């Protein structure tokens, strides 16, 4: 079974002023990397705070019903944004949906755990009845289904 993991691979350095180096990846049961997602210097405390606030949403909240059907959550969100025209945005008909989607993203997109960094949008959450991790690499969307609700945070 696959699991998503954030691991500290380099401790904070007083000399350089960098916080911890965190790797995000999908791991197989034998602890081999199935898919590397990103590496980023960041404070593990802030990441843990974000997860503590949002883990219940990640494990239980389903995607907004107005999202189009897609292969993964990352693709569905991108498809929704691309479907909006300038007129749609100007006349305010979609304001409520945009607000709902923004709130959803604050609970499911790792960009909100790693504020101020240039990581990809990585969505953690229930999609089509399964706990998933998804993101975009170049022009391709990557989906990993986690067959049991294990999100492993190995930050020490």
C-alpha atoms as a PDB file:
ATOM      1  CA  UNK A   1       0.000   0.000   0.000  1.00  0.00           C
ATOM      2  CA  UNK A   2       1.167   3.489  -0.769  1.00  0.00           C
ATOM      3  CA  UNK A   3       1.535   6.260   1.754  1.00  0.00           C
ATOM      4  CA  UNK A   4       2.219   9.955   1.479  1.00  0.00           C
ATOM      5  CA  UNK A   5       5.091  11.198   3.574  1.00  0.00           C
ATOM      6  CA  UNK A   6       6.701  14.484   4.481  1.00  0.00           C
ATOM      7  CA  UNK A   7      10.176  13.742   5.813  1.00  0.00           C
ATOM      8  CA  UNK A   8      12.815  15.998   7.212  1.00  0.00           C
ATOM      9  CA  UNK A   9      15.980  15.123   5.312  1.00  0.00           C
ATOM     10  CA  UNK A  10      18.154  17.948   6.572  1.00  0.00           C
ATOM     11  CA  UNK A  11      17.879  19.684   9.950  1.00  0.00           C
ATOM     12  CA  UNK A  12      17.717  23.445  10.315  1.00  0.00           C
ATOM     13  CA  UNK A  13      21.055  25.217  10.074  1.00  0.00           C
ATOM     14  CA  UNK A  14      21.993  28.167  12.237  1.00  0.00           C
ATOM     15  CA  UNK A  15      25.004  28.843   9.979  1.00  0.00           C
ATOM     16  CA  UNK A  16      23.001  29.217   6.776  1.00  0.00           C
ATOM     17  CA  UNK A  17      19.759  30.383   8.355  1.00  0.00           C
ATOM     18  CA  UNK A  18      17.793  27.711   6.445  1.00  0.00           C
ATOM     19  CA  UNK A  19      14.953  25.862   8.149  1.00  0.00           C
ATOM     20  CA  UNK A  20      14.604  22.105   7.727  1.00  0.00           C
ATOM     21  CA  UNK A  21      14.701  20.533   4.255  1.00  0.00           C
ATOM     22  CA  UNK A  22      11.442  18.617   3.800  1.00  0.00           C
ATOM     23  CA  UNK A  23      10.866  15.999   1.092  1.00  0.00           C
ATOM     24  CA  UNK A  24       7.331  15.140   0.038  1.00  0.00           C
ATOM     25  CA  UNK A  25       6.933  11.772  -1.652  1.00  0.00           C
ATOM     26  CA  UNK A  26       4.718   8.762  -2.173  1.00  0.00           C
ATOM     27  CA  UNK A  27       6.304   5.650  -0.647  1.00  0.00           C
ATOM     28  CA  UNK A  28       5.688   1.956  -1.209  1.00  0.00           C
ATOM     29  CA  UNK A  29       5.349  -0.525   1.662  1.00  0.00           C
ATOM     30  CA  UNK A  30       9.042  -1.447   1.363  1.00  0.00           C
ATOM     31  CA  UNK A  31       9.885   2.254   1.978  1.00  0.00           C
ATOM     32  CA  UNK A  32      11.073   2.792  -1.589  1.00  0.00           C
ATOM     33  CA  UNK A  33       9.974   6.007  -3.275  1.00  0.00           C
ATOM     34  CA  UNK A  34       7.077   5.508  -5.664  1.00  0.00           C
ATOM     35  CA  UNK A  35       6.931   9.173  -6.693  1.00  0.00           C
ATOM     36  CA  UNK A  36       8.886  12.216  -5.494  1.00  0.00           C
ATOM     37  CA  UNK A  37       6.596  15.241  -5.241  1.00  0.00           C
ATOM     38  CA  UNK A  38       8.847  18.113  -4.097  1.00  0.00           C
ATOM     39  CA  UNK A  39      11.611  19.200  -1.723  1.00  0.00           C
ATOM     40  CA  UNK A  40      11.428  22.483   0.158  1.00  0.00           C
ATOM     41  CA  UNK A  41      13.133  24.277   3.016  1.00  0.00           C
ATOM     42  CA  UNK A  42      10.455  25.113   5.559  1.00  0.00           C
ATOM     43  CA  UNK A  43       9.558  25.083   9.242  1.00  0.00           C
ATOM     44  CA  UNK A  44       8.317  21.677  10.367  1.00  0.00           C
ATOM     45  CA  UNK A  45       6.312  23.351  13.155  1.00  0.00           C
ATOM     46  CA  UNK A  46       4.229  25.313  10.641  1.00  0.00           C
ATOM     47  CA  UNK A  47       3.586  22.160   8.596  1.00  0.00           C
ATOM     48  CA  UNK A  48       2.516  20.226  11.676  1.00  0.00           C
ATOM     49  CA  UNK A  49       0.238  23.086  12.745  1.00  0.00           C
ATOM     50  CA  UNK A  50      -1.441  23.056   9.312  1.00  0.00           C
ATOM     51  CA  UNK A  51      -1.935  19.273   9.441  1.00  0.00           C
ATOM     52  CA  UNK A  52      -3.328  19.412  12.976  1.00  0.00           C
ATOM     53  CA  UNK A  53      -5.912  21.958  11.823  1.00  0.00           C
ATOM     54  CA  UNK A  54      -6.824  20.118   8.615  1.00  0.00           C
ATOM     55  CA  UNK A  55      -6.319  16.364   9.038  1.00  0.00           C
ATOM     56  CA  UNK A  56      -9.999  15.719   9.765  1.00  0.00           C
ATOM     57  CA  UNK A  57     -10.970  17.581   6.567  1.00  0.00           C
ATOM     58  CA  UNK A  58      -8.312  15.734   4.546  1.00  0.00           C
ATOM     59  CA  UNK A  59      -9.592  12.348   5.709  1.00  0.00           C
ATOM     60  CA  UNK A  60     -13.332  13.059   5.617  1.00  0.00           C
ATOM     61  CA  UNK A  61     -14.375  16.057   3.498  1.00  0.00           C
ATOM     62  CA  UNK A  62     -15.472  15.269  -0.053  1.00  0.00           C
ATOM     63  CA  UNK A  63     -14.707  17.552  -2.966  1.00  0.00           C
ATOM     64  CA  UNK A  64     -17.141  20.371  -3.821  1.00  0.00           C
ATOM     65  CA  UNK A  65     -20.022  19.010  -5.898  1.00  0.00           C
ATOM     66  CA  UNK A  66     -19.668  21.669  -8.602  1.00  0.00           C
ATOM     67  CA  UNK A  67     -16.207  20.449  -9.637  1.00  0.00           C
ATOM     68  CA  UNK A  68     -16.180  18.713 -13.028  1.00  0.00           C
ATOM     69  CA  UNK A  69     -15.459  14.988 -13.148  1.00  0.00           C
ATOM     70  CA  UNK A  70     -11.781  14.368 -13.811  1.00  0.00           C
ATOM     71  CA  UNK A  71      -9.088  11.760 -13.174  1.00  0.00           C
ATOM     72  CA  UNK A  72      -7.941  13.450  -9.971  1.00  0.00           C
ATOM     73  CA  UNK A  73      -8.654  16.330  -7.634  1.00  0.00           C
ATOM     74  CA  UNK A  74      -5.842  18.522  -9.005  1.00  0.00           C
ATOM     75  CA  UNK A  75      -7.204  18.157 -12.527  1.00  0.00           C
ATOM     76  CA  UNK A  76     -10.821  18.792 -11.457  1.00  0.00           C
ATOM     77  CA  UNK A  77      -9.866  22.051  -9.739  1.00  0.00           C
ATOM     78  CA  UNK A  78      -7.822  23.209 -12.734  1.00  0.00           C
ATOM     79  CA  UNK A  79     -10.677  22.299 -15.116  1.00  0.00           C
ATOM     80  CA  UNK A  80     -13.114  24.345 -13.011  1.00  0.00           C
ATOM     81  CA  UNK A  81     -10.895  27.437 -13.140  1.00  0.00           C
ATOM     82  CA  UNK A  82     -10.290  27.053 -16.886  1.00  0.00           C
ATOM     83  CA  UNK A  83     -14.037  26.782 -17.521  1.00  0.00           C
ATOM     84  CA  UNK A  84     -14.665  30.297 -16.180  1.00  0.00           C
ATOM     85  CA  UNK A  85     -14.686  33.161 -18.644  1.00  0.00           C
ATOM     86  CA  UNK A  86     -13.875  36.777 -17.888  1.00  0.00           C
ATOM     87  CA  UNK A  87     -17.612  37.515 -18.111  1.00  0.00           C
ATOM     88  CA  UNK A  88     -18.309  34.799 -15.518  1.00  0.00           C
ATOM     89  CA  UNK A  89     -15.852  36.441 -13.149  1.00  0.00           C
ATOM     90  CA  UNK A  90     -17.093  39.983 -13.848  1.00  0.00           C
ATOM     91  CA  UNK A  91     -20.789  39.334 -13.258  1.00  0.00           C
ATOM     92  CA  UNK A  92     -20.276  37.617  -9.898  1.00  0.00           C
ATOM     93  CA  UNK A  93     -22.374  34.515 -10.642  1.00  0.00           C
ATOM     94  CA  UNK A  94     -19.551  32.266  -9.507  1.00  0.00           C
ATOM     95  CA  UNK A  95     -18.468  34.215  -6.405  1.00  0.00           C
ATOM     96  CA  UNK A  96     -20.011  31.716  -4.009  1.00  0.00           C
ATOM     97  CA  UNK A  97     -18.362  28.761  -5.777  1.00  0.00           C
ATOM     98  CA  UNK A  98     -15.015  30.520  -5.901  1.00  0.00           C
ATOM     99  CA  UNK A  99     -15.240  31.270  -2.161  1.00  0.00           C
ATOM    100  CA  UNK A 100     -16.172  27.650  -1.434  1.00  0.00           C
ATOM    101  CA  UNK A 101     -13.313  26.352  -3.565  1.00  0.00           C
ATOM    102  CA  UNK A 102     -10.810  28.714  -1.957  1.00  0.00           C
ATOM    103  CA  UNK A 103     -11.861  27.547   1.520  1.00  0.00           C
ATOM    104  CA  UNK A 104     -11.619  23.919   0.374  1.00  0.00           C
ATOM    105  CA  UNK A 105      -8.104  24.535  -0.982  1.00  0.00           C
ATOM    106  CA  UNK A 106      -6.955  26.069   2.327  1.00  0.00           C
ATOM    107  CA  UNK A 107      -7.725  22.690   3.942  1.00  0.00           C
ATOM    108  CA  UNK A 108      -6.462  20.376   1.166  1.00  0.00           C
ATOM    109  CA  UNK A 109      -3.669  22.080  -0.796  1.00  0.00           C
ATOM    110  CA  UNK A 110      -0.151  21.794   0.627  1.00  0.00           C
ATOM    111  CA  UNK A 111       0.593  25.280  -0.743  1.00  0.00           C
ATOM    112  CA  UNK A 112      -1.291  26.507   2.329  1.00  0.00           C
ATOM    113  CA  UNK A 113       0.974  24.461   4.621  1.00  0.00           C
ATOM    114  CA  UNK A 114       4.074  25.799   2.843  1.00  0.00           C
ATOM    115  CA  UNK A 115       2.990  29.443   2.567  1.00  0.00           C
ATOM    116  CA  UNK A 116       5.291  31.752   0.642  1.00  0.00           C
ATOM    117  CA  UNK A 117       7.085  28.955  -1.228  1.00  0.00           C
ATOM    118  CA  UNK A 118       7.005  27.859  -4.837  1.00  0.00           C
ATOM    119  CA  UNK A 119       5.830  24.280  -4.437  1.00  0.00           C
ATOM    120  CA  UNK A 120       3.273  22.743  -6.787  1.00  0.00           C
ATOM    121  CA  UNK A 121      -0.380  22.583  -5.787  1.00  0.00           C
ATOM    122  CA  UNK A 122      -0.547  19.191  -4.054  1.00  0.00           C
ATOM    123  CA  UNK A 123      -4.057  18.175  -3.064  1.00  0.00           C
ATOM    124  CA  UNK A 124      -4.716  15.719  -0.247  1.00  0.00           C
ATOM    125  CA  UNK A 125      -8.267  14.531   0.190  1.00  0.00           C
ATOM    126  CA  UNK A 126     -11.138  12.248  -0.572  1.00  0.00           C
ATOM    127  CA  UNK A 127     -11.888  12.148  -4.295  1.00  0.00           C
ATOM    128  CA  UNK A 128     -14.452   9.768  -5.752  1.00  0.00           C
ATOM    129  CA  UNK A 129     -14.582   7.900  -2.460  1.00  0.00           C
ATOM    130  CA  UNK A 130     -10.824   7.323  -2.050  1.00  0.00           C
ATOM    131  CA  UNK A 131      -8.127   9.139  -0.108  1.00  0.00           C
ATOM    132  CA  UNK A 132      -5.842  10.584  -2.759  1.00  0.00           C
ATOM    133  CA  UNK A 133      -2.814  12.765  -3.350  1.00  0.00           C
ATOM    134  CA  UNK A 134      -2.667  14.561  -6.704  1.00  0.00           C
ATOM    135  CA  UNK A 135      -0.649  17.277  -8.384  1.00  0.00           C
ATOM    136  CA  UNK A 136       0.406  18.495 -11.811  1.00  0.00           C
ATOM    137  CA  UNK A 137       3.838  17.809 -13.316  1.00  0.00           C
ATOM    138  CA  UNK A 138       4.354  19.773 -16.533  1.00  0.00           C
ATOM    139  CA  UNK A 139       1.250  18.970 -18.590  1.00  0.00           C
ATOM    140  CA  UNK A 140       0.406  15.747 -16.757  1.00  0.00           C
ATOM    141  CA  UNK A 141      -1.639  15.183 -13.622  1.00  0.00           C
ATOM    142  CA  UNK A 142      -0.318  12.660 -11.136  1.00  0.00           C
ATOM    143  CA  UNK A 143      -2.701  10.725  -8.919  1.00  0.00           C
ATOM    144  CA  UNK A 144      -1.834   8.396  -6.095  1.00  0.00           C
ATOM    145  CA  UNK A 145      -4.610   6.612  -4.255  1.00  0.00           C
ATOM    146  CA  UNK A 146      -3.870   5.826  -0.638  1.00  0.00           C
ATOM    147  CA  UNK A 147      -5.789   2.640   0.051  1.00  0.00           C
ATOM    148  CA  UNK A 148      -5.942   3.209   3.750  1.00  0.00           C
ATOM    149  CA  UNK A 149      -6.031   6.522   5.562  1.00  0.00           C
ATOM    150  CA  UNK A 150      -2.349   6.782   6.433  1.00  0.00           C
ATOM    151  CA  UNK A 151      -0.642  10.104   5.987  1.00  0.00           C
ATOM    152  CA  UNK A 152       2.784   9.740   7.476  1.00  0.00           C
ATOM    153  CA  UNK A 153       4.490  12.827   8.830  1.00  0.00           C
ATOM    154  CA  UNK A 154       8.070  12.035   9.644  1.00  0.00           C
ATOM    155  CA  UNK A 155       9.331  15.376  10.800  1.00  0.00           C
ATOM    156  CA  UNK A 156      11.655  15.363  13.766  1.00  0.00           C
END
